[in-house]
Amino acid sequence: MTDTRKDLTDRPEMGPPEDADLLSQVLEQIRLTGDRVQSRTVSHDEPLELDADAAHILVVAAGALHLGGGAEKPLLLDTGDLMLLPRGPGASRLLGSSEPTTVILCRFWFDPYSLRGMISALPDRIHIRHEEGAEWLDGMVHFMMRETVDPQPGAALMISRIIDLLVIRTLRTWVHLGHSSGWLSGLSDARIARVLKVMHERPMRPWRIDELAGVAGMSRSGFAERFTELVGRAPLRYQNEWRLNLARDMLARREARVGEIGLRIGYTSEAAFSRAYKALFGHPPRDEV
């Protein structure tokens, strides 16, 4: 994939190729840390307890799991099914629906500052049936369990990276199946996806709403409403958060001084850049250096 940060530094108005993977560009900015993979077995009607303050991916290895409670409809997870809970279990209850039920649990946390609007716009749960993800899921689960059963030096890093890949693959499958909601459906909406693509290709350009509406082939008001509905952010606010996340990466890589990075992403002064950065991330950019 073309490195967007490199484009910002060397060729700010030249974007990635036309076939660049927009979903990959977005997911690259959503960071997470996974710290635990384990297998649990519960009996019929026995609750499966999850950490309330963590996100989870669970895969039913044997039996079936009933998911109920909360605002969502009850759901039965069959053997091989995957469930992503981006904000933890919430009010949902998970109960063994057979005797016994074995579940593989992955615990992780999203970086709260990486495209926060997108994370908050994810649905409470994403369900991938076994037949929808078997071609990649079976192999990843097998590899992940080997790391937990026979930990070698570097196992903690491997587990975190595997969970990262598992989350990305889940979201990609969700989009491709057409089940997505929120910003994920924005990527599968042809008109909004065209706009997201040009915003990512040319992050320094001071886009106007009427220009973006023209890219989408929509009226100004219709475009702004549709974009906000799907992405969870108004167009110009999304562009600003995208640029600031790119700046955060540049700061972490120590590509340039704070003021220079602010200018690269379109701010007219270091002070303006610092204010915007602190408003989004909760601390000034100099704290990243």
C-alpha atoms as a PDB file:
ATOM      1  CA  MET A   1       0.000   0.000   0.000  1.00  0.00           C
ATOM      2  CA  THR A   2       1.233   3.491  -0.797  1.00  0.00           C
ATOM      3  CA  ASP A   3       2.468   5.281   2.308  1.00  0.00           C
ATOM      4  CA  THR A   4       0.196   8.292   2.782  1.00  0.00           C
ATOM      5  CA  ARG A   5       2.652   9.933   5.165  1.00  0.00           C
ATOM      6  CA  LYS A   6       5.374   9.795   2.514  1.00  0.00           C
ATOM      7  CA  ASP A   7       3.031  11.491   0.074  1.00  0.00           C
ATOM      8  CA  LEU A   8       2.450  14.213   2.649  1.00  0.00           C
ATOM      9  CA  THR A   9       6.176  14.778   3.011  1.00  0.00           C
ATOM     10  CA  ASP A  10       7.408  14.516  -0.566  1.00  0.00           C
ATOM     11  CA  ARG A  11       4.483  14.971  -2.927  1.00  0.00           C
ATOM     12  CA  PRO A  12       1.553  16.444  -0.984  1.00  0.00           C
ATOM     13  CA  GLU A  13      -0.768  16.761  -3.984  1.00  0.00           C
ATOM     14  CA  MET A  14       0.074  13.384  -5.485  1.00  0.00           C
ATOM     15  CA  GLY A  15      -1.979  10.564  -3.973  1.00  0.00           C
ATOM     16  CA  PRO A  16      -1.749   6.806  -4.108  1.00  0.00           C
ATOM     17  CA  PRO A  17      -2.632   4.875  -7.263  1.00  0.00           C
ATOM     18  CA  GLU A  18      -6.238   4.656  -8.370  1.00  0.00           C
ATOM     19  CA  ASP A  19      -6.529   1.085  -7.093  1.00  0.00           C
ATOM     20  CA  ALA A  20      -5.282   1.957  -3.585  1.00  0.00           C
ATOM     21  CA  ASP A  21      -7.149   0.083  -0.843  1.00  0.00           C
ATOM     22  CA  LEU A  22      -9.243   2.717   0.908  1.00  0.00           C
ATOM     23  CA  LEU A  23     -10.259   0.379   3.704  1.00  0.00           C
ATOM     24  CA  SER A  24      -6.602  -0.365   4.458  1.00  0.00           C
ATOM     25  CA  GLN A  25      -5.826   3.353   4.603  1.00  0.00           C
ATOM     26  CA  VAL A  26      -8.543   3.845   7.195  1.00  0.00           C
ATOM     27  CA  LEU A  27      -7.834   0.735   9.249  1.00  0.00           C
ATOM     28  CA  GLU A  28      -4.147   1.640   9.396  1.00  0.00           C
ATOM     29  CA  GLN A  29      -5.123   4.552  11.624  1.00  0.00           C
ATOM     30  CA  ILE A  30      -7.187   2.428  14.022  1.00  0.00           C
ATOM     31  CA  ARG A  31      -4.729   1.003  16.515  1.00  0.00           C
ATOM     32  CA  LEU A  32      -5.369  -1.580  19.163  1.00  0.00           C
ATOM     33  CA  THR A  33      -3.495  -3.582  21.763  1.00  0.00           C
ATOM     34  CA  GLY A  34      -4.369  -7.212  22.408  1.00  0.00           C
ATOM     35  CA  ASP A  35      -3.037  -8.933  25.480  1.00  0.00           C
ATOM     36  CA  ARG A  36      -4.816 -12.242  25.973  1.00  0.00           C
ATOM     37  CA  VAL A  37      -6.151 -15.234  24.086  1.00  0.00           C
ATOM     38  CA  GLN A  38      -7.725 -18.076  26.010  1.00  0.00           C
ATOM     39  CA  SER A  39     -10.133 -20.968  25.629  1.00  0.00           C
ATOM     40  CA  ARG A  40     -13.108 -21.252  27.994  1.00  0.00           C
ATOM     41  CA  THR A  41     -15.752 -23.937  28.346  1.00  0.00           C
ATOM     42  CA  VAL A  42     -19.228 -23.281  29.789  1.00  0.00           C
ATOM     43  CA  SER A  43     -22.155 -25.606  30.355  1.00  0.00           C
ATOM     44  CA  HIS A  44     -25.743 -25.136  29.210  1.00  0.00           C
ATOM     45  CA  ASP A  45     -27.173 -21.813  30.506  1.00  0.00           C
ATOM     46  CA  GLU A  46     -23.891 -20.993  32.252  1.00  0.00           C
ATOM     47  CA  PRO A  47     -22.855 -17.356  31.664  1.00  0.00           C
ATOM     48  CA  LEU A  48     -19.639 -16.510  29.856  1.00  0.00           C
ATOM     49  CA  GLU A  49     -18.076 -13.669  31.813  1.00  0.00           C
ATOM     50  CA  LEU A  50     -16.169 -10.955  29.906  1.00  0.00           C
ATOM     51  CA  ASP A  51     -14.183  -7.951  31.128  1.00  0.00           C
ATOM     52  CA  ALA A  52     -16.547  -5.003  30.982  1.00  0.00           C
ATOM     53  CA  ASP A  53     -13.863  -2.434  30.129  1.00  0.00           C
ATOM     54  CA  ALA A  54     -12.255  -4.296  27.197  1.00  0.00           C
ATOM     55  CA  ALA A  55     -13.186  -5.106  23.631  1.00  0.00           C
ATOM     56  CA  HIS A  56     -13.415  -8.762  22.635  1.00  0.00           C
ATOM     57  CA  ILE A  57     -13.417 -11.120  19.722  1.00  0.00           C
ATOM     58  CA  LEU A  58     -14.864 -14.523  20.464  1.00  0.00           C
ATOM     59  CA  VAL A  59     -15.009 -17.627  18.296  1.00  0.00           C
ATOM     60  CA  VAL A  60     -17.237 -20.589  19.149  1.00  0.00           C
ATOM     61  CA  ALA A  61     -14.911 -23.578  18.885  1.00  0.00           C
ATOM     62  CA  ALA A  62     -17.533 -26.179  19.883  1.00  0.00           C
ATOM     63  CA  GLY A  63     -21.216 -26.092  20.746  1.00  0.00           C
ATOM     64  CA  ALA A  64     -23.307 -22.924  20.572  1.00  0.00           C
ATOM     65  CA  LEU A  65     -23.547 -19.645  22.460  1.00  0.00           C
ATOM     66  CA  HIS A  66     -26.656 -17.563  23.088  1.00  0.00           C
ATOM     67  CA  LEU A  67     -26.289 -13.782  23.087  1.00  0.00           C
ATOM     68  CA  GLY A  68     -29.148 -11.799  24.584  1.00  0.00           C
ATOM     69  CA  GLY A  69     -29.917  -8.681  26.562  1.00  0.00           C
ATOM     70  CA  GLY A  70     -29.275  -5.079  25.603  1.00  0.00           C
ATOM     71  CA  ALA A  71     -31.006  -3.319  22.725  1.00  0.00           C
ATOM     72  CA  GLU A  72     -30.027  -5.852  20.062  1.00  0.00           C
ATOM     73  CA  LYS A  73     -32.073  -8.897  19.080  1.00  0.00           C
ATOM     74  CA  PRO A  74     -31.096 -12.240  20.674  1.00  0.00           C
ATOM     75  CA  LEU A  75     -28.610 -14.178  18.605  1.00  0.00           C
ATOM     76  CA  LEU A  76     -27.359 -17.766  18.489  1.00  0.00           C
ATOM     77  CA  LEU A  77     -23.680 -18.254  17.664  1.00  0.00           C
ATOM     78  CA  ASP A  78     -23.046 -21.671  16.159  1.00  0.00           C
ATOM     79  CA  THR A  79     -19.789 -23.610  16.036  1.00  0.00           C
ATOM     80  CA  GLY A  80     -17.213 -21.650  14.026  1.00  0.00           C
ATOM     81  CA  ASP A  81     -19.041 -18.311  14.277  1.00  0.00           C
ATOM     82  CA  LEU A  82     -17.160 -15.147  15.262  1.00  0.00           C
ATOM     83  CA  MET A  83     -18.418 -12.174  17.252  1.00  0.00           C
ATOM     84  CA  LEU A  84     -16.648  -8.817  17.593  1.00  0.00           C
ATOM     85  CA  LEU A  85     -17.686  -6.700  20.596  1.00  0.00           C
ATOM     86  CA  PRO A  86     -15.914  -3.343  20.070  1.00  0.00           C
ATOM     87  CA  ARG A  87     -17.105  -1.886  23.375  1.00  0.00           C
ATOM     88  CA  GLY A  88     -17.223  -5.039  25.462  1.00  0.00           C
ATOM     89  CA  PRO A  89     -20.357  -6.961  26.438  1.00  0.00           C
ATOM     90  CA  GLY A  90     -22.311  -3.963  27.646  1.00  0.00           C
ATOM     91  CA  ALA A  91     -25.781  -5.109  28.733  1.00  0.00           C
ATOM     92  CA  SER A  92     -25.530  -8.285  26.671  1.00  0.00           C
ATOM     93  CA  ARG A  93     -25.422 -11.704  28.328  1.00  0.00           C
ATOM     94  CA  LEU A  94     -23.674 -14.705  26.827  1.00  0.00           C
ATOM     95  CA  LEU A  95     -24.863 -18.143  27.844  1.00  0.00           C
ATOM     96  CA  GLY A  96     -23.834 -21.620  26.835  1.00  0.00           C
ATOM     97  CA  SER A  97     -26.553 -23.051  24.605  1.00  0.00           C
ATOM     98  CA  SER A  98     -25.299 -26.630  24.471  1.00  0.00           C
ATOM     99  CA  GLU A  99     -23.401 -29.060  26.667  1.00  0.00           C
ATOM    100  CA  PRO A 100     -20.606 -28.088  26.647  1.00  0.00           C
ATOM    101  CA  THR A 101     -19.719 -24.918  24.739  1.00  0.00           C
ATOM    102  CA  THR A 102     -16.087 -23.990  24.142  1.00  0.00           C
ATOM    103  CA  VAL A 103     -15.214 -20.399  23.197  1.00  0.00           C
ATOM    104  CA  ILE A 104     -11.900 -18.847  22.184  1.00  0.00           C
ATOM    105  CA  LEU A 105     -11.664 -15.338  23.637  1.00  0.00           C
ATOM    106  CA  CYS A 106      -9.399 -12.511  22.481  1.00  0.00           C
ATOM    107  CA  ARG A 107      -9.188  -9.440  24.717  1.00  0.00           C
ATOM    108  CA  PHE A 108      -7.981  -6.087  23.387  1.00  0.00           C
ATOM    109  CA  TRP A 109      -8.314  -2.311  23.653  1.00  0.00           C
ATOM    110  CA  PHE A 110      -8.693   0.251  20.905  1.00  0.00           C
ATOM    111  CA  ASP A 111      -6.414   3.270  21.096  1.00  0.00           C
ATOM    112  CA  PRO A 112      -8.991   5.882  22.205  1.00  0.00           C
ATOM    113  CA  TYR A 113      -7.339   8.583  20.094  1.00  0.00           C
ATOM    114  CA  SER A 114      -7.185   6.769  16.748  1.00  0.00           C
ATOM    115  CA  LEU A 115     -10.059   8.063  14.620  1.00  0.00           C
ATOM    116  CA  ARG A 116     -12.318   8.170  17.648  1.00  0.00           C
ATOM    117  CA  GLY A 117     -15.425   8.958  15.619  1.00  0.00           C
ATOM    118  CA  MET A 118     -15.014   5.776  13.635  1.00  0.00           C
ATOM    119  CA  ILE A 119     -14.572   3.562  16.670  1.00  0.00           C
ATOM    120  CA  SER A 120     -17.586   5.088  18.419  1.00  0.00           C
ATOM    121  CA  ALA A 121     -19.643   4.597  15.244  1.00  0.00           C
ATOM    122  CA  LEU A 122     -18.992   0.851  15.116  1.00  0.00           C
ATOM    123  CA  PRO A 123     -22.034  -1.265  15.974  1.00  0.00           C
ATOM    124  CA  ASP A 124     -22.182  -2.900  19.406  1.00  0.00           C
ATOM    125  CA  ARG A 125     -21.579  -6.281  17.819  1.00  0.00           C
ATOM    126  CA  ILE A 126     -20.421  -7.671  14.495  1.00  0.00           C
ATOM    127  CA  HIS A 127     -21.328 -11.269  13.698  1.00  0.00           C
ATOM    128  CA  ILE A 128     -19.477 -13.304  11.067  1.00  0.00           C
ATOM    129  CA  ARG A 129     -20.955 -16.752  10.443  1.00  0.00           C
ATOM    130  CA  HIS A 130     -18.529 -19.607   9.945  1.00  0.00           C
ATOM    131  CA  GLU A 131     -19.439 -20.064   6.286  1.00  0.00           C
ATOM    132  CA  GLU A 132     -18.726 -16.369   5.679  1.00  0.00           C
ATOM    133  CA  GLY A 133     -15.222 -16.405   7.170  1.00  0.00           C
ATOM    134  CA  ALA A 134     -14.041 -20.015   7.186  1.00  0.00           C
ATOM    135  CA  GLU A 135     -11.396 -19.478   4.477  1.00  0.00           C
ATOM    136  CA  TRP A 136      -9.368 -17.203   6.766  1.00  0.00           C
ATOM    137  CA  LEU A 137     -10.801 -17.720  10.237  1.00  0.00           C
ATOM    138  CA  ASP A 138      -9.939 -21.387  10.753  1.00  0.00           C
ATOM    139  CA  GLY A 139      -6.266 -20.881   9.941  1.00  0.00           C
ATOM    140  CA  MET A 140      -5.906 -17.741  12.072  1.00  0.00           C
ATOM    141  CA  VAL A 141      -7.567 -19.334  15.103  1.00  0.00           C
ATOM    142  CA  HIS A 142      -5.339 -22.410  14.808  1.00  0.00           C
ATOM    143  CA  PHE A 143      -2.193 -20.251  14.629  1.00  0.00           C
ATOM    144  CA  MET A 144      -3.345 -18.058  17.506  1.00  0.00           C
ATOM    145  CA  MET A 145      -4.034 -21.024  19.787  1.00  0.00           C
ATOM    146  CA  ARG A 146      -0.575 -22.450  19.069  1.00  0.00           C
ATOM    147  CA  GLU A 147       0.941 -19.223  20.382  1.00  0.00           C
ATOM    148  CA  THR A 148      -1.025 -19.536  23.627  1.00  0.00           C
ATOM    149  CA  VAL A 149      -0.461 -23.277  24.185  1.00  0.00           C
ATOM    150  CA  ASP A 150       3.268 -23.208  23.428  1.00  0.00           C
ATOM    151  CA  PRO A 151       4.454 -19.660  24.135  1.00  0.00           C
ATOM    152  CA  GLN A 152       7.859 -18.812  22.718  1.00  0.00           C
ATOM    153  CA  PRO A 153       9.929 -15.625  23.173  1.00  0.00           C
ATOM    154  CA  GLY A 154       7.940 -12.780  21.634  1.00  0.00           C
ATOM    155  CA  ALA A 155       4.585 -14.535  22.190  1.00  0.00           C
ATOM    156  CA  ALA A 156       2.964 -11.426  23.723  1.00  0.00           C
ATOM    157  CA  LEU A 157       3.794  -9.365  20.623  1.00  0.00           C
ATOM    158  CA  MET A 158       2.638 -12.157  18.328  1.00  0.00           C
ATOM    159  CA  ILE A 159      -0.705 -12.429  20.126  1.00  0.00           C
ATOM    160  CA  SER A 160      -1.268  -8.670  19.903  1.00  0.00           C
ATOM    161  CA  ARG A 161      -0.456  -8.642  16.180  1.00  0.00           C
ATOM    162  CA  ILE A 162      -2.660 -11.661  15.471  1.00  0.00           C
ATOM    163  CA  ILE A 163      -5.606 -10.029  17.261  1.00  0.00           C
ATOM    164  CA  ASP A 164      -4.914  -6.890  15.221  1.00  0.00           C
ATOM    165  CA  LEU A 165      -5.105  -8.914  12.001  1.00  0.00           C
ATOM    166  CA  LEU A 166      -8.210 -10.733  13.206  1.00  0.00           C
ATOM    167  CA  VAL A 167     -10.043  -7.458  13.881  1.00  0.00           C
ATOM    168  CA  ILE A 168      -9.043  -6.023  10.493  1.00  0.00           C
ATOM    169  CA  ARG A 169     -10.091  -9.194   8.676  1.00  0.00           C
ATOM    170  CA  THR A 170     -13.418  -9.185  10.525  1.00  0.00           C
ATOM    171  CA  LEU A 171     -14.144  -5.596   9.555  1.00  0.00           C
ATOM    172  CA  ARG A 172     -13.119  -6.227   5.944  1.00  0.00           C
ATOM    173  CA  THR A 173     -15.390  -9.252   5.703  1.00  0.00           C
ATOM    174  CA  TRP A 174     -18.238  -7.272   7.266  1.00  0.00           C
ATOM    175  CA  VAL A 175     -17.884  -4.582   4.597  1.00  0.00           C
ATOM    176  CA  HIS A 176     -17.605  -7.011   1.691  1.00  0.00           C
ATOM    177  CA  LEU A 177     -20.694  -8.918   2.809  1.00  0.00           C
ATOM    178  CA  GLY A 178     -22.717  -5.719   2.728  1.00  0.00           C
ATOM    179  CA  HIS A 179     -23.795  -6.071   6.371  1.00  0.00           C
ATOM    180  CA  SER A 180     -21.932  -3.002   7.549  1.00  0.00           C
ATOM    181  CA  SER A 181     -23.324   0.044   9.268  1.00  0.00           C
ATOM    182  CA  GLY A 182     -21.875   3.400  10.264  1.00  0.00           C
ATOM    183  CA  TRP A 183     -18.596   4.451   8.612  1.00  0.00           C
ATOM    184  CA  LEU A 184     -18.022   0.937   7.284  1.00  0.00           C
ATOM    185  CA  SER A 185     -21.086   1.303   5.100  1.00  0.00           C
ATOM    186  CA  GLY A 186     -19.647   4.644   4.004  1.00  0.00           C
ATOM    187  CA  LEU A 187     -16.812   2.683   2.411  1.00  0.00           C
ATOM    188  CA  SER A 188     -19.283   0.469   0.572  1.00  0.00           C
ATOM    189  CA  ASP A 189     -21.452   3.411  -0.558  1.00  0.00           C
ATOM    190  CA  ALA A 190     -19.959   4.271  -3.967  1.00  0.00           C
ATOM    191  CA  ARG A 191     -20.627   8.012  -3.725  1.00  0.00           C
ATOM    192  CA  ILE A 192     -19.266   8.475  -0.203  1.00  0.00           C
ATOM    193  CA  ALA A 193     -16.345   6.128  -0.901  1.00  0.00           C
ATOM    194  CA  ARG A 194     -15.277   8.361  -3.818  1.00  0.00           C
ATOM    195  CA  VAL A 195     -15.186  11.318  -1.457  1.00  0.00           C
ATOM    196  CA  LEU A 196     -13.257   9.446   1.224  1.00  0.00           C
ATOM    197  CA  LYS A 197     -10.773   8.372  -1.429  1.00  0.00           C
ATOM    198  CA  VAL A 198      -9.990  11.898  -2.627  1.00  0.00           C
ATOM    199  CA  MET A 199      -9.808  13.186   0.949  1.00  0.00           C
ATOM    200  CA  HIS A 200      -7.258  10.504   1.750  1.00  0.00           C
ATOM    201  CA  GLU A 201      -5.316  11.033  -1.464  1.00  0.00           C
ATOM    202  CA  ARG A 202      -5.032  14.801  -0.961  1.00  0.00           C
ATOM    203  CA  PRO A 203      -5.220  15.451   2.790  1.00  0.00           C
ATOM    204  CA  MET A 204      -3.574  18.874   2.498  1.00  0.00           C
ATOM    205  CA  ARG A 205      -6.082  20.268   0.056  1.00  0.00           C
ATOM    206  CA  PRO A 206      -8.507  22.737   1.701  1.00  0.00           C
ATOM    207  CA  TRP A 207     -11.631  20.962   0.472  1.00  0.00           C
ATOM    208  CA  ARG A 208     -14.916  22.834   0.336  1.00  0.00           C
ATOM    209  CA  ILE A 209     -18.258  21.112   0.842  1.00  0.00           C
ATOM    210  CA  ASP A 210     -19.421  21.980  -2.677  1.00  0.00           C
ATOM    211  CA  GLU A 211     -16.243  20.394  -4.151  1.00  0.00           C
ATOM    212  CA  LEU A 212     -16.765  17.201  -2.185  1.00  0.00           C
ATOM    213  CA  ALA A 213     -20.446  17.134  -3.115  1.00  0.00           C
ATOM    214  CA  GLY A 214     -19.364  17.377  -6.763  1.00  0.00           C
ATOM    215  CA  VAL A 215     -17.066  14.371  -6.330  1.00  0.00           C
ATOM    216  CA  ALA A 216     -20.009  12.446  -4.875  1.00  0.00           C
ATOM    217  CA  GLY A 217     -22.353  13.638  -7.609  1.00  0.00           C
ATOM    218  CA  MET A 218     -24.829  14.886  -5.013  1.00  0.00           C
ATOM    219  CA  SER A 219     -26.310  18.158  -3.875  1.00  0.00           C
ATOM    220  CA  ARG A 220     -24.401  20.007  -1.170  1.00  0.00           C
ATOM    221  CA  SER A 221     -27.021  19.437   1.528  1.00  0.00           C
ATOM    222  CA  GLY A 222     -27.730  15.850   0.496  1.00  0.00           C
ATOM    223  CA  PHE A 223     -24.049  15.002   0.504  1.00  0.00           C
ATOM    224  CA  ALA A 224     -23.339  16.574   3.897  1.00  0.00           C
ATOM    225  CA  GLU A 225     -26.289  14.737   5.458  1.00  0.00           C
ATOM    226  CA  ARG A 226     -25.414  11.374   3.886  1.00  0.00           C
ATOM    227  CA  PHE A 227     -21.712  11.615   4.774  1.00  0.00           C
ATOM    228  CA  THR A 228     -22.440  12.535   8.388  1.00  0.00           C
ATOM    229  CA  GLU A 229     -25.029   9.764   8.691  1.00  0.00           C
ATOM    230  CA  LEU A 230     -22.664   7.054   7.444  1.00  0.00           C
ATOM    231  CA  VAL A 231     -19.277   8.201   8.711  1.00  0.00           C
ATOM    232  CA  GLY A 232     -20.381   9.654  12.033  1.00  0.00           C
ATOM    233  CA  ARG A 233     -18.572  12.940  11.405  1.00  0.00           C
ATOM    234  CA  ALA A 234     -19.273  15.974   9.225  1.00  0.00           C
ATOM    235  CA  PRO A 235     -17.040  15.940   6.109  1.00  0.00           C
ATOM    236  CA  LEU A 236     -14.660  18.716   7.113  1.00  0.00           C
ATOM    237  CA  ARG A 237     -14.418  17.463  10.682  1.00  0.00           C
ATOM    238  CA  TYR A 238     -13.540  14.012   9.361  1.00  0.00           C
ATOM    239  CA  GLN A 239     -10.858  15.488   7.117  1.00  0.00           C
ATOM    240  CA  ASN A 240      -9.373  17.415  10.025  1.00  0.00           C
ATOM    241  CA  GLU A 241      -9.246  14.304  12.245  1.00  0.00           C
ATOM    242  CA  TRP A 242      -7.697  12.327   9.402  1.00  0.00           C
ATOM    243  CA  ARG A 243      -4.944  14.922   8.931  1.00  0.00           C
ATOM    244  CA  LEU A 244      -4.259  15.120  12.666  1.00  0.00           C
ATOM    245  CA  ASN A 245      -3.938  11.331  12.840  1.00  0.00           C
ATOM    246  CA  LEU A 246      -1.437  11.477   9.985  1.00  0.00           C
ATOM    247  CA  ALA A 247       0.422  14.177  11.898  1.00  0.00           C
ATOM    248  CA  ARG A 248       0.468  11.967  14.971  1.00  0.00           C
ATOM    249  CA  ASP A 249       2.198   9.252  12.964  1.00  0.00           C
ATOM    250  CA  MET A 250       4.704  11.752  11.605  1.00  0.00           C
ATOM    251  CA  LEU A 251       5.475  12.947  15.138  1.00  0.00           C
ATOM    252  CA  ALA A 252       5.917   9.377  16.381  1.00  0.00           C
ATOM    253  CA  ARG A 253       8.377   8.765  13.543  1.00  0.00           C
ATOM    254  CA  ARG A 254      10.159  12.062  14.325  1.00  0.00           C
ATOM    255  CA  GLU A 255       9.966  13.036  10.682  1.00  0.00           C
ATOM    256  CA  ALA A 256      10.227  16.762  11.408  1.00  0.00           C
ATOM    257  CA  ARG A 257       9.760  19.399  14.067  1.00  0.00           C
ATOM    258  CA  VAL A 258       6.290  20.123  15.437  1.00  0.00           C
ATOM    259  CA  GLY A 259       5.839  23.406  13.601  1.00  0.00           C
ATOM    260  CA  GLU A 260       6.946  21.927  10.284  1.00  0.00           C
ATOM    261  CA  ILE A 261       4.547  19.006  10.586  1.00  0.00           C
ATOM    262  CA  GLY A 262       1.727  21.422  11.354  1.00  0.00           C
ATOM    263  CA  LEU A 263       2.497  23.318   8.158  1.00  0.00           C
ATOM    264  CA  ARG A 264       2.667  20.090   6.160  1.00  0.00           C
ATOM    265  CA  ILE A 265      -0.862  19.116   7.098  1.00  0.00           C
ATOM    266  CA  GLY A 266      -2.270  22.538   6.328  1.00  0.00           C
ATOM    267  CA  TYR A 267      -2.131  24.648   9.507  1.00  0.00           C
ATOM    268  CA  THR A 268      -0.877  28.195   9.117  1.00  0.00           C
ATOM    269  CA  SER A 269       0.960  28.298  12.459  1.00  0.00           C
ATOM    270  CA  GLU A 270       2.358  25.983  15.094  1.00  0.00           C
ATOM    271  CA  ALA A 271       0.008  27.518  17.667  1.00  0.00           C
ATOM    272  CA  ALA A 272      -3.084  26.695  15.572  1.00  0.00           C
ATOM    273  CA  PHE A 273      -1.795  23.172  14.984  1.00  0.00           C
ATOM    274  CA  SER A 274      -1.100  22.666  18.697  1.00  0.00           C
ATOM    275  CA  ARG A 275      -4.598  23.841  19.677  1.00  0.00           C
ATOM    276  CA  ALA A 276      -6.276  21.508  17.200  1.00  0.00           C
ATOM    277  CA  TYR A 277      -4.035  18.600  18.181  1.00  0.00           C
ATOM    278  CA  LYS A 278      -4.712  19.053  21.887  1.00  0.00           C
ATOM    279  CA  ALA A 279      -8.453  19.346  21.281  1.00  0.00           C
ATOM    280  CA  LEU A 280      -8.472  15.937  19.554  1.00  0.00           C
ATOM    281  CA  PHE A 281      -5.869  13.972  21.517  1.00  0.00           C
ATOM    282  CA  GLY A 282      -5.963  15.664  24.926  1.00  0.00           C
ATOM    283  CA  HIS A 283      -2.321  16.757  24.928  1.00  0.00           C
ATOM    284  CA  PRO A 284      -0.116  19.023  22.827  1.00  0.00           C
ATOM    285  CA  PRO A 285       1.925  17.605  19.921  1.00  0.00           C
ATOM    286  CA  ARG A 286       5.197  18.258  21.709  1.00  0.00           C
ATOM    287  CA  ASP A 287       4.278  15.510  24.192  1.00  0.00           C
ATOM    288  CA  GLU A 288       4.605  13.005  21.320  1.00  0.00           C
ATOM    289  CA  VAL A 289       8.205  13.937  20.591  1.00  0.00           C
END
